PDB file of N, CA and C in Angstrom:
ATOM      1  N   MET A   1      75.643  56.155 -40.309  1.00  0.00           N
ATOM      2  CA  MET A   1      76.023  57.403 -39.703  1.00  0.00           C
ATOM      3  C   MET A   1      77.019  57.089 -38.589  1.00  0.00           C
ATOM      4  N   TYR A   2      77.920  58.028 -38.354  1.00  0.00           N
ATOM      5  CA  TYR A   2      78.953  57.850 -37.330  1.00  0.00           C
ATOM      6  C   TYR A   2      78.989  59.080 -36.443  1.00  0.00           C
ATOM      7  N   LYS A   3      79.364  58.892 -35.173  1.00  0.00           N
ATOM      8  CA  LYS A   3      79.277  59.990 -34.225  1.00  0.00           C
ATOM      9  C   LYS A   3      80.547  60.113 -33.388  1.00  0.00           C
ATOM     10  N   LEU A   4      80.971  61.355 -33.218  1.00  0.00           N
ATOM     11  CA  LEU A   4      82.041  61.701 -32.278  1.00  0.00           C
ATOM     12  C   LEU A   4      81.364  62.349 -31.079  1.00  0.00           C
ATOM     13  N   THR A   5      81.539  61.772 -29.898  1.00  0.00           N
ATOM     14  CA  THR A   5      80.963  62.315 -28.674  1.00  0.00           C
ATOM     15  C   THR A   5      82.084  62.796 -27.776  1.00  0.00           C
ATOM     16  N   ILE A   6      81.914  63.995 -27.243  1.00  0.00           N
ATOM     17  CA  ILE A   6      82.857  64.536 -26.266  1.00  0.00           C
ATOM     18  C   ILE A   6      82.098  64.707 -24.960  1.00  0.00           C
ATOM     19  N   LEU A   7      82.539  64.013 -23.928  1.00  0.00           N
ATOM     20  CA  LEU A   7      81.965  64.135 -22.596  1.00  0.00           C
ATOM     21  C   LEU A   7      82.865  65.060 -21.782  1.00  0.00           C
ATOM     22  N   PHE A   8      82.315  66.142 -21.284  1.00  0.00           N
ATOM     23  CA  PHE A   8      83.077  67.075 -20.456  1.00  0.00           C
ATOM     24  C   PHE A   8      82.700  66.874 -18.992  1.00  0.00           C
ATOM     25  N   ARG A   9      83.704  66.635 -18.156  1.00  0.00           N
ATOM     26  CA  ARG A   9      83.463  66.547 -16.720  1.00  0.00           C
ATOM     27  C   ARG A   9      83.250  67.948 -16.148  1.00  0.00           C
ATOM     28  N   GLN A  10      82.788  68.007 -14.915  1.00  0.00           N
ATOM     29  CA  GLN A  10      82.539  69.283 -14.256  1.00  0.00           C
ATOM     30  C   GLN A  10      83.848  70.063 -14.108  1.00  0.00           C
ATOM     31  N   PRO A  11      83.916  71.272 -14.662  1.00  0.00           N
ATOM     32  CA  PRO A  11      85.130  72.091 -14.504  1.00  0.00           C
ATOM     33  C   PRO A  11      85.113  72.811 -13.154  1.00  0.00           C
ATOM     34  N   GLN A  12      86.295  73.178 -12.677  1.00  0.00           N
ATOM     35  CA  GLN A  12      86.357  73.933 -11.417  1.00  0.00           C
ATOM     36  C   GLN A  12      85.786  75.331 -11.598  1.00  0.00           C
ATOM     37  N   ASP A  13      86.144  75.973 -12.709  1.00  0.00           N
ATOM     38  CA  ASP A  13      85.654  77.330 -12.987  1.00  0.00           C
ATOM     39  C   ASP A  13      84.689  77.241 -14.170  1.00  0.00           C
ATOM     40  N   LEU A  14      83.412  77.128 -13.862  1.00  0.00           N
ATOM     41  CA  LEU A  14      82.389  76.919 -14.884  1.00  0.00           C
ATOM     42  C   LEU A  14      82.303  78.076 -15.871  1.00  0.00           C
ATOM     43  N   VAL A  15      82.367  79.304 -15.393  1.00  0.00           N
ATOM     44  CA  VAL A  15      82.274  80.475 -16.269  1.00  0.00           C
ATOM     45  C   VAL A  15      83.450  80.509 -17.242  1.00  0.00           C
ATOM     46  N   GLN A  16      84.650  80.276 -16.746  1.00  0.00           N
ATOM     47  CA  GLN A  16      85.840  80.274 -17.615  1.00  0.00           C
ATOM     48  C   GLN A  16      85.751  79.153 -18.644  1.00  0.00           C
ATOM     49  N   PHE A  17      85.330  77.973 -18.191  1.00  0.00           N
ATOM     50  CA  PHE A  17      85.185  76.850 -19.114  1.00  0.00           C
ATOM     51  C   PHE A  17      84.203  77.181 -20.229  1.00  0.00           C
ATOM     52  N   GLU A  18      83.021  77.683 -19.876  1.00  0.00           N
ATOM     53  CA  GLU A  18      82.001  77.993 -20.880  1.00  0.00           C
ATOM     54  C   GLU A  18      82.498  79.041 -21.872  1.00  0.00           C
ATOM     55  N   ASN A  19      83.198  80.052 -21.384  1.00  0.00           N
ATOM     56  CA  ASN A  19      83.756  81.076 -22.281  1.00  0.00           C
ATOM     57  C   ASN A  19      84.795  80.478 -23.216  1.00  0.00           C
ATOM     58  N   ASP A  20      85.712  79.687 -22.665  1.00  0.00           N
ATOM     59  CA  ASP A  20      86.751  79.060 -23.492  1.00  0.00           C
ATOM     60  C   ASP A  20      86.152  78.076 -24.487  1.00  0.00           C
ATOM     61  N   TRP A  21      85.184  77.289 -24.044  1.00  0.00           N
ATOM     62  CA  TRP A  21      84.537  76.315 -24.929  1.00  0.00           C
ATOM     63  C   TRP A  21      83.908  77.033 -26.120  1.00  0.00           C
ATOM     64  N   ALA A  22      83.164  78.116 -25.836  1.00  0.00           N
ATOM     65  CA  ALA A  22      82.470  78.856 -26.902  1.00  0.00           C
ATOM     66  C   ALA A  22      83.439  79.636 -27.788  1.00  0.00           C
ATOM     67  N   ASP A  23      84.435  80.266 -27.198  1.00  0.00           N
ATOM     68  CA  ASP A  23      85.325  81.161 -27.942  1.00  0.00           C
ATOM     69  C   ASP A  23      86.521  80.475 -28.593  1.00  0.00           C
ATOM     70  N   LYS A  24      86.992  79.378 -28.005  1.00  0.00           N
ATOM     71  CA  LYS A  24      88.241  78.772 -28.487  1.00  0.00           C
ATOM     72  C   LYS A  24      88.068  77.403 -29.132  1.00  0.00           C
ATOM     73  N   PHE A  25      87.007  76.686 -28.795  1.00  0.00           N
ATOM     74  CA  PHE A  25      86.821  75.337 -29.323  1.00  0.00           C
ATOM     75  C   PHE A  25      85.747  75.267 -30.410  1.00  0.00           C
ATOM     76  N   VAL A  26      84.570  75.782 -30.115  1.00  0.00           N
ATOM     77  CA  VAL A  26      83.410  75.620 -30.990  1.00  0.00           C
ATOM     78  C   VAL A  26      83.651  76.181 -32.391  1.00  0.00           C
ATOM     79  N   GLN A  27      84.318  77.316 -32.489  1.00  0.00           N
ATOM     80  CA  GLN A  27      84.518  77.922 -33.812  1.00  0.00           C
ATOM     81  C   GLN A  27      85.275  76.998 -34.765  1.00  0.00           C
ATOM     82  N   PHE A  28      86.166  76.175 -34.257  1.00  0.00           N
ATOM     83  CA  PHE A  28      86.911  75.254 -35.118  1.00  0.00           C
ATOM     84  C   PHE A  28      86.172  73.928 -35.281  1.00  0.00           C
ATOM     85  N   ALA A  29      85.685  73.375 -34.176  1.00  0.00           N
ATOM     86  CA  ALA A  29      85.027  72.072 -34.241  1.00  0.00           C
ATOM     87  C   ALA A  29      83.770  72.106 -35.106  1.00  0.00           C
ATOM     88  N   ASP A  30      82.968  73.156 -34.944  1.00  0.00           N
ATOM     89  CA  ASP A  30      81.738  73.251 -35.732  1.00  0.00           C
ATOM     90  C   ASP A  30      82.013  73.476 -37.219  1.00  0.00           C
ATOM     91  N   ALA A  31      83.223  73.904 -37.553  1.00  0.00           N
ATOM     92  CA  ALA A  31      83.584  74.171 -38.951  1.00  0.00           C
ATOM     93  C   ALA A  31      84.307  72.990 -39.608  1.00  0.00           C
ATOM     94  N   MET A  32      84.414  71.857 -38.898  1.00  0.00           N
ATOM     95  CA  MET A  32      85.071  70.694 -39.507  1.00  0.00           C
ATOM     96  C   MET A  32      84.289  70.259 -40.738  1.00  0.00           C
ATOM     97  N   PRO A  33      84.987  69.833 -41.780  1.00  0.00           N
ATOM     98  CA  PRO A  33      84.282  69.382 -42.986  1.00  0.00           C
ATOM     99  C   PRO A  33      83.529  68.076 -42.725  1.00  0.00           C
ATOM    100  N   GLY A  34      82.378  67.941 -43.373  1.00  0.00           N
ATOM    101  CA  GLY A  34      81.634  66.693 -43.310  1.00  0.00           C
ATOM    102  C   GLY A  34      80.686  66.552 -42.141  1.00  0.00           C
ATOM    103  N   VAL A  35      80.599  67.573 -41.290  1.00  0.00           N
ATOM    104  CA  VAL A  35      79.675  67.490 -40.159  1.00  0.00           C
ATOM    105  C   VAL A  35      78.243  67.568 -40.682  1.00  0.00           C
ATOM    106  N   ILE A  36      77.426  66.587 -40.328  1.00  0.00           N
ATOM    107  CA  ILE A  36      76.032  66.530 -40.770  1.00  0.00           C
ATOM    108  C   ILE A  36      75.108  67.132 -39.719  1.00  0.00           C
ATOM    109  N   ARG A  37      75.437  66.911 -38.473  1.00  0.00           N
ATOM    110  CA  ARG A  37      74.563  67.321 -37.374  1.00  0.00           C
ATOM    111  C   ARG A  37      75.407  67.551 -36.134  1.00  0.00           C
ATOM    112  N   ILE A  38      74.997  68.509 -35.309  1.00  0.00           N
ATOM    113  CA  ILE A  38      75.681  68.804 -34.048  1.00  0.00           C
ATOM    114  C   ILE A  38      74.635  68.832 -32.945  1.00  0.00           C
ATOM    115  N   GLU A  39      74.940  68.187 -31.833  1.00  0.00           N
ATOM    116  CA  GLU A  39      74.078  68.231 -30.656  1.00  0.00           C
ATOM    117  C   GLU A  39      74.922  68.619 -29.456  1.00  0.00           C
ATOM    118  N   VAL A  40      74.416  69.539 -28.647  1.00  0.00           N
ATOM    119  CA  VAL A  40      75.075  69.930 -27.414  1.00  0.00           C
ATOM    120  C   VAL A  40      74.059  69.819 -26.288  1.00  0.00           C
ATOM    121  N   SER A  41      74.448  69.122 -25.228  1.00  0.00           N
ATOM    122  CA  SER A  41      73.575  68.960 -24.068  1.00  0.00           C
ATOM    123  C   SER A  41      74.330  69.403 -22.825  1.00  0.00           C
ATOM    124  N   THR A  42      73.663  70.178 -21.979  1.00  0.00           N
ATOM    125  CA  THR A  42      74.219  70.545 -20.688  1.00  0.00           C
ATOM    126  C   THR A  42      73.533  69.676 -19.644  1.00  0.00           C
ATOM    127  N   ILE A  43      74.320  68.995 -18.844  1.00  0.00           N
ATOM    128  CA  ILE A  43      73.808  68.017 -17.895  1.00  0.00           C
ATOM    129  C   ILE A  43      73.235  68.714 -16.658  1.00  0.00           C
ATOM    130  N   ASP A  44      72.001  68.349 -16.301  1.00  0.00           N
ATOM    131  CA  ASP A  44      71.364  68.872 -15.089  1.00  0.00           C
ATOM    132  C   ASP A  44      71.676  68.012 -13.875  1.00  0.00           C
ATOM    133  N   GLY A  45      71.936  66.753 -14.085  1.00  0.00           N
ATOM    134  CA  GLY A  45      72.196  65.831 -12.983  1.00  0.00           C
ATOM    135  C   GLY A  45      71.708  64.450 -13.358  1.00  0.00           C
ATOM    136  N   GLY A  46      71.654  63.591 -12.377  1.00  0.00           N
ATOM    137  CA  GLY A  46      71.193  62.229 -12.593  1.00  0.00           C
ATOM    138  C   GLY A  46      70.196  61.839 -11.523  1.00  0.00           C
ATOM    139  N   PRO A  47      69.805  60.579 -11.500  1.00  0.00           N
ATOM    140  CA  PRO A  47      68.793  60.128 -10.543  1.00  0.00           C
ATOM    141  C   PRO A  47      69.174  60.355  -9.081  1.00  0.00           C
ATOM    142  N   THR A  48      70.477  60.371  -8.802  1.00  0.00           N
ATOM    143  CA  THR A  48      70.914  60.528  -7.408  1.00  0.00           C
ATOM    144  C   THR A  48      71.420  61.929  -7.100  1.00  0.00           C
ATOM    145  N   GLY A  49      71.276  62.855  -8.048  1.00  0.00           N
ATOM    146  CA  GLY A  49      71.712  64.235  -7.794  1.00  0.00           C
ATOM    147  C   GLY A  49      72.727  64.708  -8.812  1.00  0.00           C
ATOM    148  N   PRO A  50      73.715  65.492  -8.363  1.00  0.00           N
ATOM    149  CA  PRO A  50      74.714  66.041  -9.288  1.00  0.00           C
ATOM    150  C   PRO A  50      75.437  64.942 -10.064  1.00  0.00           C
ATOM    151  N   ALA A  51      75.810  65.263 -11.303  1.00  0.00           N
ATOM    152  CA  ALA A  51      76.485  64.299 -12.168  1.00  0.00           C
ATOM    153  C   ALA A  51      77.969  64.634 -12.289  1.00  0.00           C
ATOM    154  N   GLU A  52      78.734  63.623 -12.661  1.00  0.00           N
ATOM    155  CA  GLU A  52      80.169  63.798 -12.905  1.00  0.00           C
ATOM    156  C   GLU A  52      80.405  64.669 -14.141  1.00  0.00           C
ATOM    157  N   PHE A  53      79.450  64.648 -15.071  1.00  0.00           N
ATOM    158  CA  PHE A  53      79.631  65.345 -16.335  1.00  0.00           C
ATOM    159  C   PHE A  53      78.851  66.653 -16.379  1.00  0.00           C
ATOM    160  N   HIS A  54      79.393  67.613 -17.131  1.00  0.00           N
ATOM    161  CA  HIS A  54      78.788  68.927 -17.286  1.00  0.00           C
ATOM    162  C   HIS A  54      78.131  69.101 -18.653  1.00  0.00           C
ATOM    163  N   LYS A  55      78.790  68.581 -19.694  1.00  0.00           N
ATOM    164  CA  LYS A  55      78.319  68.843 -21.056  1.00  0.00           C
ATOM    165  C   LYS A  55      78.628  67.644 -21.943  1.00  0.00           C
ATOM    166  N   ILE A  56      77.747  67.422 -22.926  1.00  0.00           N
ATOM    167  CA  ILE A  56      77.980  66.431 -23.977  1.00  0.00           C
ATOM    168  C   ILE A  56      77.903  67.180 -25.298  1.00  0.00           C
ATOM    169  N   HIS A  57      78.933  67.018 -26.116  1.00  0.00           N
ATOM    170  CA  HIS A  57      78.980  67.679 -27.427  1.00  0.00           C
ATOM    171  C   HIS A  57      79.157  66.569 -28.458  1.00  0.00           C
ATOM    172  N   GLU A  58      78.220  66.477 -29.406  1.00  0.00           N
ATOM    173  CA  GLU A  58      78.243  65.384 -30.372  1.00  0.00           C
ATOM    174  C   GLU A  58      78.252  65.900 -31.807  1.00  0.00           C
ATOM    175  N   TYR A  59      79.081  65.274 -32.619  1.00  0.00           N
ATOM    176  CA  TYR A  59      79.198  65.584 -34.040  1.00  0.00           C
ATOM    177  C   TYR A  59      78.869  64.332 -34.832  1.00  0.00           C
ATOM    178  N   TYR A  60      77.964  64.447 -35.805  1.00  0.00           N
ATOM    179  CA  TYR A  60      77.540  63.328 -36.636  1.00  0.00           C
ATOM    180  C   TYR A  60      78.139  63.473 -38.040  1.00  0.00           C
ATOM    181  N   PHE A  61      78.545  62.333 -38.591  1.00  0.00           N
ATOM    182  CA  PHE A  61      79.151  62.270 -39.922  1.00  0.00           C
ATOM    183  C   PHE A  61      78.512  61.127 -40.713  1.00  0.00           C
ATOM    184  N   ALA A  62      78.707  61.130 -42.006  1.00  0.00           N
ATOM    185  CA  ALA A  62      78.142  60.078 -42.856  1.00  0.00           C
ATOM    186  C   ALA A  62      78.689  58.703 -42.472  1.00  0.00           C
ATOM    187  N   ASP A  63      79.990  58.639 -42.156  1.00  0.00           N
ATOM    188  CA  ASP A  63      80.617  57.369 -41.816  1.00  0.00           C
ATOM    189  C   ASP A  63      81.933  57.637 -41.085  1.00  0.00           C
ATOM    190  N   ARG A  64      82.613  56.573 -40.682  1.00  0.00           N
ATOM    191  CA  ARG A  64      83.871  56.692 -39.926  1.00  0.00           C
ATOM    192  C   ARG A  64      84.928  57.427 -40.743  1.00  0.00           C
ATOM    193  N   ALA A  65      84.996  57.155 -42.029  1.00  0.00           N
ATOM    194  CA  ALA A  65      85.990  57.810 -42.880  1.00  0.00           C
ATOM    195  C   ALA A  65      85.793  59.333 -42.897  1.00  0.00           C
ATOM    196  N   ALA A  66      84.540  59.765 -42.956  1.00  0.00           N
ATOM    197  CA  ALA A  66      84.248  61.206 -42.945  1.00  0.00           C
ATOM    198  C   ALA A  66      84.654  61.824 -41.613  1.00  0.00           C
ATOM    199  N   MET A  67      84.417  61.108 -40.507  1.00  0.00           N
ATOM    200  CA  MET A  67      84.821  61.615 -39.194  1.00  0.00           C
ATOM    201  C   MET A  67      86.338  61.710 -39.097  1.00  0.00           C
ATOM    202  N   ASP A  68      87.036  60.666 -39.546  1.00  0.00           N
ATOM    203  CA  ASP A  68      88.499  60.679 -39.509  1.00  0.00           C
ATOM    204  C   ASP A  68      89.056  61.834 -40.346  1.00  0.00           C
ATOM    205  N   LYS A  69      88.480  62.042 -41.524  1.00  0.00           N
ATOM    206  CA  LYS A  69      88.917  63.132 -42.390  1.00  0.00           C
ATOM    207  C   LYS A  69      88.702  64.479 -41.698  1.00  0.00           C
ATOM    208  N   ALA A  70      87.557  64.644 -41.052  1.00  0.00           N
ATOM    209  CA  ALA A  70      87.252  65.895 -40.350  1.00  0.00           C
ATOM    210  C   ALA A  70      88.229  66.136 -39.209  1.00  0.00           C
ATOM    211  N   MET A  71      88.517  65.093 -38.443  1.00  0.00           N
ATOM    212  CA  MET A  71      89.401  65.253 -37.299  1.00  0.00           C
ATOM    213  C   MET A  71      90.840  65.558 -37.719  1.00  0.00           C
ATOM    214  N   HIS A  72      91.226  65.109 -38.907  1.00  0.00           N
ATOM    215  CA  HIS A  72      92.580  65.368 -39.395  1.00  0.00           C
ATOM    216  C   HIS A  72      92.677  66.624 -40.269  1.00  0.00           C
ATOM    217  N   SER A  73      91.547  67.283 -40.501  1.00  0.00           N
ATOM    218  CA  SER A  73      91.543  68.521 -41.280  1.00  0.00           C
ATOM    219  C   SER A  73      92.163  69.646 -40.454  1.00  0.00           C
ATOM    220  N   GLU A  74      92.420  70.776 -41.102  1.00  0.00           N
ATOM    221  CA  GLU A  74      92.967  71.930 -40.382  1.00  0.00           C
ATOM    222  C   GLU A  74      92.065  72.328 -39.215  1.00  0.00           C
ATOM    223  N   LYS A  75      90.759  72.418 -39.455  1.00  0.00           N
ATOM    224  CA  LYS A  75      89.814  72.808 -38.396  1.00  0.00           C
ATOM    225  C   LYS A  75      89.752  71.744 -37.295  1.00  0.00           C
ATOM    226  N   GLY A  76      89.814  70.484 -37.677  1.00  0.00           N
ATOM    227  CA  GLY A  76      89.783  69.408 -36.692  1.00  0.00           C
ATOM    228  C   GLY A  76      91.005  69.407 -35.797  1.00  0.00           C
ATOM    229  N   VAL A  77      92.174  69.630 -36.381  1.00  0.00           N
ATOM    230  CA  VAL A  77      93.416  69.696 -35.605  1.00  0.00           C
ATOM    231  C   VAL A  77      93.382  70.896 -34.666  1.00  0.00           C
ATOM    232  N   ARG A  78      92.912  72.029 -35.171  1.00  0.00           N
ATOM    233  CA  ARG A  78      92.817  73.225 -34.324  1.00  0.00           C
ATOM    234  C   ARG A  78      91.821  73.015 -33.193  1.00  0.00           C
ATOM    235  N   ALA A  79      90.714  72.342 -33.482  1.00  0.00           N
ATOM    236  CA  ALA A  79      89.731  72.036 -32.442  1.00  0.00           C
ATOM    237  C   ALA A  79      90.345  71.115 -31.388  1.00  0.00           C
ATOM    238  N   GLY A  80      91.083  70.111 -31.836  1.00  0.00           N
ATOM    239  CA  GLY A  80      91.744  69.196 -30.900  1.00  0.00           C
ATOM    240  C   GLY A  80      92.751  69.913 -30.013  1.00  0.00           C
ATOM    241  N   ASN A  81      93.526  70.813 -30.604  1.00  0.00           N
ATOM    242  CA  ASN A  81      94.488  71.591 -29.817  1.00  0.00           C
ATOM    243  C   ASN A  81      93.773  72.480 -28.803  1.00  0.00           C
ATOM    244  N   ALA A  82      92.684  73.104 -29.232  1.00  0.00           N
ATOM    245  CA  ALA A  82      91.906  73.960 -28.324  1.00  0.00           C
ATOM    246  C   ALA A  82      91.312  73.122 -27.194  1.00  0.00           C
ATOM    247  N   LEU A  83      90.812  71.954 -27.521  1.00  0.00           N
ATOM    248  CA  LEU A  83      90.225  71.065 -26.527  1.00  0.00           C
ATOM    249  C   LEU A  83      91.248  70.716 -25.444  1.00  0.00           C
ATOM    250  N   GLN A  84      92.445  70.372 -25.860  1.00  0.00           N
ATOM    251  CA  GLN A  84      93.504  70.034 -24.903  1.00  0.00           C
ATOM    252  C   GLN A  84      93.890  71.236 -24.045  1.00  0.00           C
ATOM    253  N   ALA A  85      93.838  72.425 -24.631  1.00  0.00           N
ATOM    254  CA  ALA A  85      94.221  73.628 -23.901  1.00  0.00           C
ATOM    255  C   ALA A  85      93.152  74.070 -22.905  1.00  0.00           C
ATOM    256  N   ILE A  86      91.875  73.960 -23.275  1.00  0.00           N
ATOM    257  CA  ILE A  86      90.814  74.496 -22.405  1.00  0.00           C
ATOM    258  C   ILE A  86      90.298  73.492 -21.384  1.00  0.00           C
ATOM    259  N   ALA A  87      90.495  72.193 -21.642  1.00  0.00           N
ATOM    260  CA  ALA A  87      89.905  71.190 -20.745  1.00  0.00           C
ATOM    261  C   ALA A  87      90.844  70.008 -20.497  1.00  0.00           C
ATOM    262  N   PRO A  88      92.091  70.264 -20.121  1.00  0.00           N
ATOM    263  CA  PRO A  88      92.999  69.126 -19.910  1.00  0.00           C
ATOM    264  C   PRO A  88      92.485  68.217 -18.789  1.00  0.00           C
ATOM    265  N   GLY A  89      92.361  66.935 -19.101  1.00  0.00           N
ATOM    266  CA  GLY A  89      91.899  65.963 -18.123  1.00  0.00           C
ATOM    267  C   GLY A  89      90.405  66.005 -17.830  1.00  0.00           C
ATOM    268  N   LEU A  90      89.672  66.870 -18.526  1.00  0.00           N
ATOM    269  CA  LEU A  90      88.239  67.018 -18.250  1.00  0.00           C
ATOM    270  C   LEU A  90      87.339  66.431 -19.326  1.00  0.00           C
ATOM    271  N   TYR A  91      87.894  65.786 -20.323  1.00  0.00           N
ATOM    272  CA  TYR A  91      87.042  65.293 -21.405  1.00  0.00           C
ATOM    273  C   TYR A  91      87.396  63.864 -21.779  1.00  0.00           C
ATOM    274  N   THR A  92      86.405  63.194 -22.355  1.00  0.00           N
ATOM    275  CA  THR A  92      86.566  61.862 -22.917  1.00  0.00           C
ATOM    276  C   THR A  92      85.985  61.896 -24.317  1.00  0.00           C
ATOM    277  N   LEU A  93      86.703  61.337 -25.291  1.00  0.00           N
ATOM    278  CA  LEU A  93      86.217  61.225 -26.667  1.00  0.00           C
ATOM    279  C   LEU A  93      85.708  59.802 -26.891  1.00  0.00           C
ATOM    280  N   LEU A  94      84.558  59.694 -27.534  1.00  0.00           N
ATOM    281  CA  LEU A  94      83.990  58.401 -27.886  1.00  0.00           C
ATOM    282  C   LEU A  94      83.612  58.413 -29.359  1.00  0.00           C
ATOM    283  N   PHE A  95      83.842  57.310 -30.044  1.00  0.00           N
ATOM    284  CA  PHE A  95      83.442  57.145 -31.439  1.00  0.00           C
ATOM    285  C   PHE A  95      82.364  56.067 -31.470  1.00  0.00           C
ATOM    286  N   ALA A  96      81.267  56.320 -32.206  1.00  0.00           N
ATOM    287  CA  ALA A  96      80.173  55.350 -32.225  1.00  0.00           C
ATOM    288  C   ALA A  96      79.540  55.244 -33.598  1.00  0.00           C
ATOM    289  N   ASP A  97      79.215  54.022 -33.960  1.00  0.00           N
ATOM    290  CA  ASP A  97      78.462  53.744 -35.171  1.00  0.00           C
ATOM    291  C   ASP A  97      76.983  53.866 -34.793  1.00  0.00           C
ATOM    292  N   VAL A  98      76.294  54.831 -35.375  1.00  0.00           N
ATOM    293  CA  VAL A  98      74.885  55.076 -35.047  1.00  0.00           C
ATOM    294  C   VAL A  98      74.035  54.165 -35.928  1.00  0.00           C
ATOM    295  N   THR A  99      73.298  53.262 -35.299  1.00  0.00           N
ATOM    296  CA  THR A  99      72.521  52.301 -36.069  1.00  0.00           C
ATOM    297  C   THR A  99      71.049  52.669 -36.187  1.00  0.00           C
ATOM    298  N   GLU A 100      70.600  53.623 -35.358  1.00  0.00           N
ATOM    299  CA  GLU A 100      69.183  53.977 -35.417  1.00  0.00           C
ATOM    300  C   GLU A 100      69.020  55.437 -35.024  1.00  0.00           C
ATOM    301  N   ASP A 101      68.198  56.143 -35.751  1.00  0.00           N
ATOM    302  CA  ASP A 101      67.908  57.544 -35.454  1.00  0.00           C
ATOM    303  C   ASP A 101      66.421  57.753 -35.697  1.00  0.00           C
ATOM    304  N   ILE A 102      65.649  57.688 -34.619  1.00  0.00           N
ATOM    305  CA  ILE A 102      64.199  57.815 -34.719  1.00  0.00           C
ATOM    306  C   ILE A 102      63.780  59.071 -33.969  1.00  0.00           C
ATOM    307  N   VAL A 103      63.017  59.914 -34.627  1.00  0.00           N
ATOM    308  CA  VAL A 103      62.475  61.100 -33.975  1.00  0.00           C
ATOM    309  C   VAL A 103      60.965  60.928 -33.925  1.00  0.00           C
ATOM    310  N   ARG A 104      60.430  60.978 -32.719  1.00  0.00           N
ATOM    311  CA  ARG A 104      58.987  60.825 -32.534  1.00  0.00           C
ATOM    312  C   ARG A 104      58.400  62.139 -32.061  1.00  0.00           C
ATOM    313  N   ALA A 105      57.155  62.363 -32.404  1.00  0.00           N
ATOM    314  CA  ALA A 105      56.437  63.527 -31.876  1.00  0.00           C
ATOM    315  C   ALA A 105      56.347  63.377 -30.360  1.00  0.00           C
ATOM    316  N   ALA A 106      56.343  64.485 -29.652  1.00  0.00           N
ATOM    317  CA  ALA A 106      56.286  64.451 -28.189  1.00  0.00           C
ATOM    318  C   ALA A 106      55.131  63.586 -27.712  1.00  0.00           C
ATOM    319  N   GLY A 107      55.432  62.643 -26.845  1.00  0.00           N
ATOM    320  CA  GLY A 107      54.408  61.789 -26.275  1.00  0.00           C
ATOM    321  C   GLY A 107      53.983  60.621 -27.141  1.00  0.00           C
ATOM    322  N   ALA A 108      54.490  60.548 -28.370  1.00  0.00           N
ATOM    323  CA  ALA A 108      54.086  59.460 -29.263  1.00  0.00           C
ATOM    324  C   ALA A 108      54.743  58.155 -28.842  1.00  0.00           C
ATOM    325  N   LEU A 109      53.989  57.101 -28.893  1.00  0.00           N
ATOM    326  CA  LEU A 109      54.512  55.784 -28.584  1.00  0.00           C
ATOM    327  C   LEU A 109      55.049  55.141 -29.856  1.00  0.00           C
ATOM    328  N   PRO A 110      56.006  54.227 -29.710  1.00  0.00           N
ATOM    329  CA  PRO A 110      56.491  53.526 -30.913  1.00  0.00           C
ATOM    330  C   PRO A 110      55.362  52.723 -31.523  1.00  0.00           C
ATOM    331  N   GLU A 111      55.397  52.617 -32.845  1.00  0.00           N
ATOM    332  CA  GLU A 111      54.365  51.847 -33.537  1.00  0.00           C
ATOM    333  C   GLU A 111      54.533  50.371 -33.200  1.00  0.00           C
ATOM    334  N   ALA A 112      53.395  49.705 -32.974  1.00  0.00           N
ATOM    335  CA  ALA A 112      53.434  48.268 -32.707  1.00  0.00           C
ATOM    336  C   ALA A 112      53.720  47.549 -34.012  1.00  0.00           C
ATOM    337  N   LYS A 113      54.556  46.548 -33.928  1.00  0.00           N
ATOM    338  CA  LYS A 113      54.856  45.750 -35.112  1.00  0.00           C
ATOM    339  C   LYS A 113      53.973  44.507 -35.072  1.00  0.00           C
ATOM    340  N   SER A 114      53.235  44.293 -36.146  1.00  0.00           N
ATOM    341  CA  SER A 114      52.367  43.123 -36.188  1.00  0.00           C
ATOM    342  C   SER A 114      53.180  41.908 -36.598  1.00  0.00           C
ATOM    343  N   SER A 115      52.850  40.813 -35.982  1.00  0.00           N
ATOM    344  CA  SER A 115      53.546  39.581 -36.348  1.00  0.00           C
ATOM    345  C   SER A 115      52.825  38.953 -37.547  1.00  0.00           C
ATOM    346  N   PRO A 116      53.602  38.351 -38.434  1.00  0.00           N
ATOM    347  CA  PRO A 116      52.981  37.725 -39.611  1.00  0.00           C
ATOM    348  C   PRO A 116      52.087  36.565 -39.185  1.00  0.00           C
ATOM    349  N   GLN A 117      50.974  36.410 -39.874  1.00  0.00           N
ATOM    350  CA  GLN A 117      50.046  35.326 -39.510  1.00  0.00           C
ATOM    351  C   GLN A 117      50.025  34.253 -40.524  1.00  0.00           C
TER     352      GLN A 117
END
């Protein structure tokens, strides 16, 4: 699995940013071909208080080729143009190879692995 992560820094006008993000970016980005999963997180802060970042938006794909195809598609290009228009200098794009995806029930501990005897 492969992931495109967009880190958004704190905007000066939060209301305008949220409106533009929802109305001008999401409609194209969420419609990119090959998207398997989407995660959006709004940052509350960090251990020392307010954080540099406001939002994390992540798109998951089967592999790097699928992500590249999505980003070069009509919807991907439109999303990229919208991103540049609504958040110039406020975002960072990261590409990552996802090697593990484990979902545990709330409070569940990882299973202990027994060593061979």
